[in-house]
Amino acid sequence: MHLDTDRLVLRRFRPADAPALAAYRSDPAIARYQSWTTPLTPADAADLVRRFAAGDPGAPGWFQWAVELRSEGVLIGDLGCRLDDNLMQADLGFTLAADRHGHGYATEAVRGLLAHLFGRGLRRVSAECDARNGASARLLERVGFRREGLRPAYTFIKGEWTDDLLFGLLAEHWPPA
């Protein structure tokens, strides 16, 4: 169970991924717009990897894909995909280690997962991000998502209210021109 792109492998998590997951998810800059707090202890990372590995990518609910850099065989990030109960729509999230930013890996990983989802017949994929997270918003637009809305002061996270940007991508708009 894996998806291949030019430079990446999207696959199920395995126990050896725990140290890398703990490292990038403990980075305050990476966690800034995410729901988790830092640091992620080695024990918590191992538990998270076990839970991620037990998921079913074809069943309703969240599945976390490990993003591996093929040339180095190392975990560099993860993609979350929540399939709706109707199995025709999904929500998407992504996290990439800071030292891997700026190389197009997140864009490539998201495109690879979108190709898989739309290839299996999904009708719509949605995503949202903190309105201050310009890099994530630009990535979503780059891969074809359309901005569908803004929810002012919608999420209370890490002691503050934040605005959420809403994005959507329909099957008939994939792949983008």
N, C-alpha and C. Protein backbone atom coordinates (compact mmCIF):
# COMPACT_ATOMS: atom_id res chain seq x y z
N MET A 1 0.85 -1.17 0.00
CA MET A 1 0.00 0.00 0.00
C MET A 1 0.89 1.24 0.00
N HIS A 2 1.20 1.71 -1.19
CA HIS A 2 1.95 2.96 -1.29
C HIS A 2 1.67 3.62 -2.64
N LEU A 3 1.95 4.91 -2.68
CA LEU A 3 1.81 5.69 -3.90
C LEU A 3 3.18 6.24 -4.25
N ASP A 4 3.54 6.18 -5.50
CA ASP A 4 4.83 6.69 -5.95
C ASP A 4 4.66 7.97 -6.74
N THR A 5 5.53 8.94 -6.48
CA THR A 5 5.66 10.13 -7.32
C THR A 5 7.10 10.13 -7.83
N ASP A 6 7.49 11.15 -8.53
CA ASP A 6 8.85 11.17 -9.08
C ASP A 6 9.92 11.01 -8.00
N ARG A 7 9.76 11.73 -6.89
CA ARG A 7 10.80 11.72 -5.87
C ARG A 7 10.37 11.16 -4.52
N LEU A 8 9.09 10.85 -4.40
CA LEU A 8 8.55 10.48 -3.09
C LEU A 8 7.82 9.15 -3.12
N VAL A 9 7.69 8.58 -1.94
CA VAL A 9 6.82 7.43 -1.72
C VAL A 9 5.85 7.83 -0.61
N LEU A 10 4.55 7.70 -0.90
CA LEU A 10 3.52 7.91 0.12
C LEU A 10 3.11 6.52 0.58
N ARG A 11 3.28 6.26 1.88
CA ARG A 11 3.12 4.90 2.37
C ARG A 11 2.55 4.91 3.78
N ARG A 12 2.27 3.70 4.26
CA ARG A 12 1.83 3.51 5.64
C ARG A 12 3.02 3.81 6.58
N PHE A 13 2.74 4.35 7.74
CA PHE A 13 3.78 4.57 8.74
C PHE A 13 4.30 3.24 9.26
N ARG A 14 5.57 3.24 9.68
CA ARG A 14 6.18 2.06 10.31
C ARG A 14 6.96 2.51 11.55
N PRO A 15 7.24 1.60 12.48
CA PRO A 15 7.88 1.98 13.75
C PRO A 15 9.15 2.81 13.60
N ALA A 16 9.95 2.54 12.60
CA ALA A 16 11.21 3.28 12.41
C ALA A 16 10.98 4.76 12.10
N ASP A 17 9.74 5.16 11.80
CA ASP A 17 9.44 6.56 11.48
C ASP A 17 9.30 7.44 12.72
N ALA A 18 9.17 6.83 13.89
CA ALA A 18 8.88 7.61 15.10
C ALA A 18 9.91 8.71 15.39
N PRO A 19 11.23 8.46 15.32
CA PRO A 19 12.17 9.55 15.62
C PRO A 19 12.05 10.75 14.67
N ALA A 20 11.89 10.48 13.38
CA ALA A 20 11.74 11.59 12.42
C ALA A 20 10.44 12.34 12.66
N LEU A 21 9.36 11.61 12.93
CA LEU A 21 8.07 12.25 13.22
C LEU A 21 8.20 13.14 14.46
N ALA A 22 8.83 12.62 15.51
CA ALA A 22 9.03 13.42 16.73
C ALA A 22 9.85 14.67 16.43
N ALA A 23 10.86 14.55 15.59
CA ALA A 23 11.73 15.69 15.29
C ALA A 23 10.97 16.80 14.57
N TYR A 24 10.29 16.49 13.47
CA TYR A 24 9.67 17.59 12.73
C TYR A 24 8.40 18.09 13.40
N ARG A 25 7.67 17.23 14.11
CA ARG A 25 6.47 17.70 14.79
C ARG A 25 6.79 18.41 16.11
N SER A 26 8.05 18.36 16.55
CA SER A 26 8.47 19.10 17.74
C SER A 26 8.98 20.49 17.39
N ASP A 27 9.13 20.77 16.12
CA ASP A 27 9.61 22.09 15.67
C ASP A 27 8.48 23.11 15.88
N PRO A 28 8.69 24.13 16.73
CA PRO A 28 7.63 25.11 16.98
C PRO A 28 7.15 25.82 15.72
N ALA A 29 8.03 26.04 14.76
CA ALA A 29 7.62 26.70 13.51
C ALA A 29 6.68 25.80 12.71
N ILE A 30 6.89 24.48 12.74
CA ILE A 30 6.03 23.55 12.02
C ILE A 30 4.70 23.41 12.75
N ALA A 31 4.73 23.39 14.07
CA ALA A 31 3.51 23.20 14.87
C ALA A 31 2.68 24.47 15.01
N ARG A 32 3.21 25.61 14.62
CA ARG A 32 2.55 26.89 14.87
C ARG A 32 1.08 26.91 14.46
N TYR A 33 0.76 26.44 13.28
CA TYR A 33 -0.60 26.49 12.76
C TYR A 33 -1.33 25.15 12.88
N GLN A 34 -0.75 24.22 13.61
CA GLN A 34 -1.32 22.88 13.75
C GLN A 34 -1.98 22.74 15.12
N SER A 35 -2.75 21.68 15.29
CA SER A 35 -3.49 21.47 16.53
C SER A 35 -2.64 20.90 17.66
N TRP A 36 -1.48 20.33 17.36
CA TRP A 36 -0.69 19.72 18.42
C TRP A 36 0.24 20.73 19.08
N THR A 37 0.71 20.35 20.28
CA THR A 37 1.68 21.17 21.01
C THR A 37 3.03 20.48 20.95
N THR A 38 4.05 21.26 21.18
CA THR A 38 5.42 20.74 21.16
C THR A 38 5.95 20.68 22.58
N PRO A 39 6.93 19.84 22.84
CA PRO A 39 7.51 18.87 21.93
C PRO A 39 6.68 17.59 21.87
N LEU A 40 6.91 16.81 20.83
CA LEU A 40 6.33 15.48 20.71
C LEU A 40 7.39 14.52 21.25
N THR A 41 7.12 13.90 22.37
CA THR A 41 8.11 13.02 22.99
C THR A 41 8.31 11.77 22.13
N PRO A 42 9.45 11.11 22.30
CA PRO A 42 9.66 9.86 21.57
C PRO A 42 8.57 8.82 21.85
N ALA A 43 8.12 8.73 23.09
CA ALA A 43 7.06 7.76 23.41
C ALA A 43 5.75 8.14 22.74
N ASP A 44 5.42 9.43 22.74
CA ASP A 44 4.18 9.88 22.08
C ASP A 44 4.28 9.68 20.57
N ALA A 45 5.47 9.91 20.00
CA ALA A 45 5.65 9.70 18.56
C ALA A 45 5.48 8.22 18.21
N ALA A 46 6.02 7.34 19.05
CA ALA A 46 5.88 5.90 18.80
C ALA A 46 4.41 5.49 18.87
N ASP A 47 3.67 6.05 19.83
CA ASP A 47 2.24 5.76 19.94
C ASP A 47 1.48 6.27 18.73
N LEU A 48 1.81 7.49 18.30
CA LEU A 48 1.16 8.07 17.13
C LEU A 48 1.43 7.24 15.89
N VAL A 49 2.66 6.81 15.71
CA VAL A 49 3.02 5.96 14.56
C VAL A 49 2.22 4.66 14.59
N ARG A 50 2.07 4.06 15.77
CA ARG A 50 1.27 2.82 15.87
C ARG A 50 -0.17 3.08 15.44
N ARG A 51 -0.74 4.21 15.89
CA ARG A 51 -2.13 4.53 15.52
C ARG A 51 -2.24 4.83 14.03
N PHE A 52 -1.28 5.59 13.49
CA PHE A 52 -1.30 5.88 12.05
C PHE A 52 -1.21 4.58 11.25
N ALA A 53 -0.32 3.68 11.65
CA ALA A 53 -0.10 2.43 10.91
C ALA A 53 -1.32 1.52 10.93
N ALA A 54 -2.15 1.65 11.94
CA ALA A 54 -3.33 0.79 12.06
C ALA A 54 -4.51 1.28 11.21
N GLY A 55 -4.39 2.46 10.61
CA GLY A 55 -5.49 3.02 9.84
C GLY A 55 -5.74 2.30 8.53
N ASP A 56 -6.91 2.58 7.97
CA ASP A 56 -7.30 1.99 6.69
C ASP A 56 -7.56 3.13 5.71
N PRO A 57 -6.73 3.29 4.67
CA PRO A 57 -6.89 4.41 3.75
C PRO A 57 -8.17 4.36 2.91
N GLY A 58 -8.83 3.22 2.89
CA GLY A 58 -10.06 3.09 2.11
C GLY A 58 -11.33 3.18 2.93
N ALA A 59 -11.19 3.38 4.23
CA ALA A 59 -12.35 3.43 5.13
C ALA A 59 -12.64 4.87 5.55
N PRO A 60 -13.88 5.17 5.89
CA PRO A 60 -14.20 6.51 6.39
C PRO A 60 -13.33 6.86 7.60
N GLY A 61 -12.99 8.12 7.70
CA GLY A 61 -12.16 8.59 8.81
C GLY A 61 -10.79 9.02 8.32
N TRP A 62 -9.94 9.37 9.27
CA TRP A 62 -8.61 9.88 8.96
C TRP A 62 -7.63 8.74 8.70
N PHE A 63 -6.80 8.95 7.70
CA PHE A 63 -5.64 8.10 7.45
C PHE A 63 -4.45 9.01 7.24
N GLN A 64 -3.35 8.69 7.88
CA GLN A 64 -2.15 9.50 7.77
C GLN A 64 -1.14 8.77 6.90
N TRP A 65 -0.75 9.41 5.80
CA TRP A 65 0.24 8.86 4.88
C TRP A 65 1.62 9.37 5.28
N ALA A 66 2.60 8.49 5.38
CA ALA A 66 3.99 8.88 5.58
C ALA A 66 4.54 9.36 4.23
N VAL A 67 5.28 10.46 4.24
CA VAL A 67 5.92 10.98 3.03
C VAL A 67 7.41 10.69 3.14
N GLU A 68 7.88 9.79 2.28
CA GLU A 68 9.28 9.37 2.30
C GLU A 68 10.00 9.92 1.08
N LEU A 69 11.19 10.46 1.30
CA LEU A 69 12.04 10.90 0.20
C LEU A 69 12.73 9.66 -0.35
N ARG A 70 12.38 9.29 -1.57
CA ARG A 70 12.86 8.04 -2.16
C ARG A 70 14.39 7.95 -2.18
N SER A 71 15.08 9.02 -2.56
CA SER A 71 16.54 8.96 -2.73
C SER A 71 17.27 8.72 -1.41
N GLU A 72 16.66 9.11 -0.28
CA GLU A 72 17.31 8.94 1.01
C GLU A 72 16.63 7.89 1.89
N GLY A 73 15.43 7.48 1.51
CA GLY A 73 14.70 6.50 2.31
C GLY A 73 14.32 7.00 3.69
N VAL A 74 14.06 8.31 3.81
CA VAL A 74 13.74 8.89 5.12
C VAL A 74 12.38 9.58 5.09
N LEU A 75 11.74 9.58 6.25
CA LEU A 75 10.47 10.27 6.43
C LEU A 75 10.72 11.77 6.46
N ILE A 76 9.98 12.52 5.62
CA ILE A 76 10.14 13.98 5.60
C ILE A 76 8.84 14.71 5.92
N GLY A 77 7.74 13.98 6.08
CA GLY A 77 6.48 14.62 6.39
C GLY A 77 5.34 13.63 6.38
N ASP A 78 4.12 14.18 6.45
CA ASP A 78 2.94 13.33 6.42
C ASP A 78 1.76 14.08 5.82
N LEU A 79 0.84 13.30 5.26
CA LEU A 79 -0.39 13.83 4.69
C LEU A 79 -1.56 13.17 5.41
N GLY A 80 -2.50 13.96 5.85
CA GLY A 80 -3.70 13.42 6.46
C GLY A 80 -4.85 13.50 5.47
N CYS A 81 -5.62 12.43 5.38
CA CYS A 81 -6.78 12.38 4.49
C CYS A 81 -7.95 11.80 5.27
N ARG A 82 -9.03 12.56 5.38
CA ARG A 82 -10.23 12.08 6.06
C ARG A 82 -11.29 11.80 5.02
N LEU A 83 -11.56 10.51 4.78
CA LEU A 83 -12.62 10.12 3.85
C LEU A 83 -13.97 10.27 4.55
N ASP A 84 -14.91 10.87 3.83
CA ASP A 84 -16.26 11.01 4.34
C ASP A 84 -16.95 9.64 4.35
N ASP A 85 -18.00 9.52 5.13
CA ASP A 85 -18.76 8.27 5.18
C ASP A 85 -19.26 7.84 3.81
N ASN A 86 -19.53 8.80 2.92
CA ASN A 86 -20.03 8.45 1.58
C ASN A 86 -18.92 8.00 0.62
N LEU A 87 -17.67 8.08 1.06
CA LEU A 87 -16.50 7.69 0.27
C LEU A 87 -16.39 8.44 -1.05
N MET A 88 -17.04 9.60 -1.14
CA MET A 88 -17.00 10.39 -2.37
C MET A 88 -16.35 11.75 -2.16
N GLN A 89 -16.01 12.07 -0.92
CA GLN A 89 -15.34 13.33 -0.64
C GLN A 89 -14.38 13.14 0.52
N ALA A 90 -13.41 14.05 0.61
CA ALA A 90 -12.37 13.92 1.62
C ALA A 90 -11.88 15.30 2.05
N ASP A 91 -11.25 15.32 3.21
CA ASP A 91 -10.53 16.49 3.69
C ASP A 91 -9.05 16.15 3.68
N LEU A 92 -8.22 17.17 3.48
CA LEU A 92 -6.79 16.97 3.31
C LEU A 92 -6.02 17.88 4.25
N GLY A 93 -4.91 17.36 4.78
CA GLY A 93 -3.97 18.16 5.57
C GLY A 93 -2.56 17.68 5.27
N PHE A 94 -1.57 18.51 5.58
CA PHE A 94 -0.19 18.15 5.26
C PHE A 94 0.78 18.81 6.22
N THR A 95 1.89 18.13 6.46
CA THR A 95 2.97 18.62 7.31
C THR A 95 4.28 18.16 6.69
N LEU A 96 5.25 19.07 6.61
CA LEU A 96 6.55 18.74 6.04
C LEU A 96 7.64 19.29 6.94
N ALA A 97 8.69 18.51 7.16
CA ALA A 97 9.83 18.95 7.97
C ALA A 97 10.40 20.26 7.40
N ALA A 98 10.76 21.17 8.28
CA ALA A 98 11.22 22.51 7.87
C ALA A 98 12.42 22.45 6.93
N ASP A 99 13.34 21.52 7.16
CA ASP A 99 14.53 21.46 6.30
C ASP A 99 14.22 20.93 4.90
N ARG A 100 12.98 20.52 4.66
CA ARG A 100 12.58 20.04 3.34
C ARG A 100 11.69 21.03 2.61
N HIS A 101 11.43 22.18 3.23
CA HIS A 101 10.63 23.22 2.57
C HIS A 101 11.41 23.82 1.40
N GLY A 102 10.67 24.30 0.41
CA GLY A 102 11.29 25.01 -0.70
C GLY A 102 11.83 24.14 -1.82
N HIS A 103 11.54 22.84 -1.79
CA HIS A 103 12.03 21.93 -2.82
C HIS A 103 10.89 21.32 -3.64
N GLY A 104 9.67 21.73 -3.37
CA GLY A 104 8.52 21.21 -4.10
C GLY A 104 8.00 19.88 -3.60
N TYR A 105 8.53 19.38 -2.48
CA TYR A 105 8.10 18.07 -1.99
C TYR A 105 6.64 18.06 -1.54
N ALA A 106 6.22 19.10 -0.83
CA ALA A 106 4.83 19.13 -0.36
C ALA A 106 3.88 19.19 -1.55
N THR A 107 4.20 20.01 -2.53
CA THR A 107 3.37 20.10 -3.73
C THR A 107 3.29 18.75 -4.43
N GLU A 108 4.43 18.08 -4.57
CA GLU A 108 4.47 16.77 -5.22
C GLU A 108 3.67 15.73 -4.45
N ALA A 109 3.79 15.75 -3.13
CA ALA A 109 3.06 14.78 -2.30
C ALA A 109 1.55 15.01 -2.40
N VAL A 110 1.13 16.27 -2.29
CA VAL A 110 -0.30 16.57 -2.36
C VAL A 110 -0.84 16.21 -3.74
N ARG A 111 -0.12 16.55 -4.79
CA ARG A 111 -0.57 16.16 -6.14
C ARG A 111 -0.69 14.65 -6.29
N GLY A 112 0.28 13.92 -5.74
CA GLY A 112 0.23 12.46 -5.81
C GLY A 112 -0.98 11.89 -5.10
N LEU A 113 -1.29 12.43 -3.93
CA LEU A 113 -2.46 11.94 -3.20
C LEU A 113 -3.75 12.34 -3.91
N LEU A 114 -3.81 13.56 -4.43
CA LEU A 114 -5.01 13.99 -5.16
C LEU A 114 -5.25 13.11 -6.39
N ALA A 115 -4.20 12.79 -7.12
CA ALA A 115 -4.35 11.91 -8.30
C ALA A 115 -4.92 10.56 -7.87
N HIS A 116 -4.45 10.04 -6.76
CA HIS A 116 -4.96 8.77 -6.24
C HIS A 116 -6.44 8.90 -5.86
N LEU A 117 -6.78 9.95 -5.11
CA LEU A 117 -8.16 10.11 -4.64
C LEU A 117 -9.13 10.30 -5.80
N PHE A 118 -8.79 11.19 -6.72
CA PHE A 118 -9.69 11.41 -7.85
C PHE A 118 -9.71 10.19 -8.77
N GLY A 119 -8.59 9.47 -8.86
CA GLY A 119 -8.54 8.25 -9.66
C GLY A 119 -9.43 7.14 -9.13
N ARG A 120 -9.70 7.17 -7.84
CA ARG A 120 -10.59 6.14 -7.28
C ARG A 120 -12.03 6.60 -7.20
N GLY A 121 -12.31 7.77 -7.80
CA GLY A 121 -13.69 8.21 -7.96
C GLY A 121 -14.21 9.25 -6.99
N LEU A 122 -13.33 9.86 -6.20
CA LEU A 122 -13.82 10.91 -5.32
C LEU A 122 -14.35 12.08 -6.13
N ARG A 123 -15.33 12.75 -5.58
CA ARG A 123 -15.98 13.88 -6.23
C ARG A 123 -15.38 15.21 -5.81
N ARG A 124 -14.93 15.29 -4.53
CA ARG A 124 -14.48 16.56 -3.98
C ARG A 124 -13.45 16.32 -2.89
N VAL A 125 -12.45 17.20 -2.84
CA VAL A 125 -11.50 17.23 -1.73
C VAL A 125 -11.49 18.65 -1.17
N SER A 126 -11.57 18.75 0.14
CA SER A 126 -11.57 20.03 0.83
C SER A 126 -10.33 20.16 1.69
N ALA A 127 -9.98 21.38 2.01
CA ALA A 127 -8.86 21.66 2.91
C ALA A 127 -9.13 23.00 3.59
N GLU A 128 -8.54 23.18 4.74
CA GLU A 128 -8.62 24.47 5.41
C GLU A 128 -7.28 24.73 6.06
N CYS A 129 -7.00 26.01 6.28
CA CYS A 129 -5.76 26.36 6.96
C CYS A 129 -5.95 27.68 7.70
N ASP A 130 -5.11 27.87 8.69
CA ASP A 130 -5.06 29.13 9.42
C ASP A 130 -4.80 30.23 8.39
N ALA A 131 -5.55 31.31 8.46
CA ALA A 131 -5.42 32.38 7.46
C ALA A 131 -4.03 33.02 7.48
N ARG A 132 -3.30 32.89 8.58
CA ARG A 132 -1.94 33.45 8.65
C ARG A 132 -0.92 32.55 7.96
N ASN A 133 -1.30 31.34 7.60
CA ASN A 133 -0.38 30.38 7.02
C ASN A 133 -0.38 30.53 5.49
N GLY A 134 0.28 31.57 5.03
CA GLY A 134 0.32 31.87 3.61
C GLY A 134 0.94 30.78 2.77
N ALA A 135 1.95 30.09 3.30
CA ALA A 135 2.61 29.03 2.52
C ALA A 135 1.64 27.89 2.21
N SER A 136 0.83 27.50 3.20
CA SER A 136 -0.13 26.42 2.96
C SER A 136 -1.22 26.86 1.99
N ALA A 137 -1.69 28.08 2.13
CA ALA A 137 -2.71 28.59 1.22
C ALA A 137 -2.19 28.62 -0.22
N ARG A 138 -0.95 29.07 -0.40
CA ARG A 138 -0.36 29.11 -1.74
C ARG A 138 -0.19 27.71 -2.31
N LEU A 139 0.20 26.74 -1.48
CA LEU A 139 0.35 25.36 -1.96
C LEU A 139 -1.00 24.84 -2.44
N LEU A 140 -2.05 25.06 -1.66
CA LEU A 140 -3.37 24.58 -2.06
C LEU A 140 -3.79 25.19 -3.40
N GLU A 141 -3.57 26.47 -3.57
CA GLU A 141 -3.93 27.12 -4.83
C GLU A 141 -3.06 26.60 -5.97
N ARG A 142 -1.78 26.36 -5.70
CA ARG A 142 -0.86 25.87 -6.74
C ARG A 142 -1.30 24.51 -7.29
N VAL A 143 -1.87 23.66 -6.45
CA VAL A 143 -2.28 22.33 -6.91
C VAL A 143 -3.71 22.30 -7.43
N GLY A 144 -4.38 23.46 -7.46
CA GLY A 144 -5.69 23.54 -8.09
C GLY A 144 -6.87 23.84 -7.19
N PHE A 145 -6.67 23.90 -5.87
CA PHE A 145 -7.78 24.24 -4.98
C PHE A 145 -8.23 25.66 -5.23
N ARG A 146 -9.51 25.90 -5.01
CA ARG A 146 -10.09 27.23 -5.07
C ARG A 146 -10.45 27.67 -3.67
N ARG A 147 -10.16 28.92 -3.38
CA ARG A 147 -10.55 29.46 -2.08
C ARG A 147 -12.06 29.64 -2.08
N GLU A 148 -12.72 29.04 -1.09
CA GLU A 148 -14.18 29.07 -1.03
C GLU A 148 -14.72 29.92 0.12
N GLY A 149 -13.85 30.30 1.04
CA GLY A 149 -14.39 31.10 2.13
C GLY A 149 -13.38 31.41 3.22
N LEU A 150 -13.85 32.27 4.11
CA LEU A 150 -13.09 32.67 5.28
C LEU A 150 -14.03 32.62 6.47
N ARG A 151 -13.59 31.92 7.53
CA ARG A 151 -14.36 31.88 8.77
C ARG A 151 -13.61 32.71 9.80
N PRO A 152 -14.05 33.96 10.03
CA PRO A 152 -13.35 34.82 11.00
C PRO A 152 -13.44 34.28 12.43
N ALA A 153 -12.32 34.35 13.13
CA ALA A 153 -12.25 33.96 14.55
C ALA A 153 -12.99 32.66 14.80
N TYR A 154 -12.72 31.66 13.99
CA TYR A 154 -13.47 30.41 14.03
C TYR A 154 -12.84 29.35 14.95
N THR A 155 -11.53 29.28 14.96
CA THR A 155 -10.85 28.23 15.72
C THR A 155 -10.11 28.82 16.90
N PHE A 156 -10.35 28.25 18.08
CA PHE A 156 -9.60 28.64 19.27
C PHE A 156 -8.49 27.61 19.45
N ILE A 157 -7.26 28.06 19.25
CA ILE A 157 -6.13 27.13 19.29
C ILE A 157 -4.94 27.83 19.93
N LYS A 158 -4.31 27.14 20.83
CA LYS A 158 -3.11 27.64 21.50
C LYS A 158 -3.34 29.01 22.13
N GLY A 159 -4.53 29.17 22.73
CA GLY A 159 -4.84 30.38 23.48
C GLY A 159 -5.31 31.57 22.68
N GLU A 160 -5.62 31.37 21.40
CA GLU A 160 -6.09 32.51 20.60
C GLU A 160 -7.11 32.06 19.57
N TRP A 161 -7.95 33.01 19.16
CA TRP A 161 -8.91 32.78 18.09
C TRP A 161 -8.23 33.06 16.77
N THR A 162 -8.42 32.14 15.80
CA THR A 162 -7.79 32.31 14.50
C THR A 162 -8.84 32.24 13.39
N ASP A 163 -8.55 32.90 12.29
CA ASP A 163 -9.40 32.83 11.10
C ASP A 163 -9.00 31.60 10.30
N ASP A 164 -9.98 30.96 9.69
CA ASP A 164 -9.74 29.79 8.85
C ASP A 164 -10.06 30.11 7.40
N LEU A 165 -9.16 29.73 6.50
CA LEU A 165 -9.43 29.79 5.06
C LEU A 165 -9.94 28.42 4.63
N LEU A 166 -10.97 28.43 3.78
CA LEU A 166 -11.57 27.18 3.29
C LEU A 166 -11.27 27.03 1.80
N PHE A 167 -10.90 25.82 1.41
CA PHE A 167 -10.55 25.52 0.02
C PHE A 167 -11.28 24.27 -0.44
N GLY A 168 -11.53 24.19 -1.73
CA GLY A 168 -12.15 23.00 -2.30
C GLY A 168 -11.63 22.73 -3.70
N LEU A 169 -11.66 21.46 -4.08
CA LEU A 169 -11.25 21.04 -5.41
C LEU A 169 -12.21 19.95 -5.87
N LEU A 170 -12.86 20.18 -6.99
CA LEU A 170 -13.80 19.21 -7.56
C LEU A 170 -13.10 18.33 -8.59
N ALA A 171 -13.59 17.12 -8.73
CA ALA A 171 -12.99 16.16 -9.68
C ALA A 171 -12.91 16.74 -11.09
N GLU A 172 -13.93 17.50 -11.50
CA GLU A 172 -13.90 18.01 -12.87
C GLU A 172 -12.86 19.10 -13.09
N HIS A 173 -12.26 19.58 -12.01
CA HIS A 173 -11.18 20.57 -12.12
C HIS A 173 -9.81 19.93 -11.91
N TRP A 174 -9.77 18.61 -11.86
CA TRP A 174 -8.51 17.89 -11.69
C TRP A 174 -8.19 17.11 -12.96
N PRO A 175 -6.96 17.10 -13.41
CA PRO A 175 -5.87 17.94 -12.92
C PRO A 175 -6.04 19.38 -13.42
N PRO A 176 -5.44 20.33 -12.68
CA PRO A 176 -5.57 21.73 -13.13
C PRO A 176 -4.88 21.93 -14.48
N ALA A 177 -5.39 22.88 -15.22
CA ALA A 177 -4.83 23.16 -16.55
C ALA A 177 -3.40 23.68 -16.45
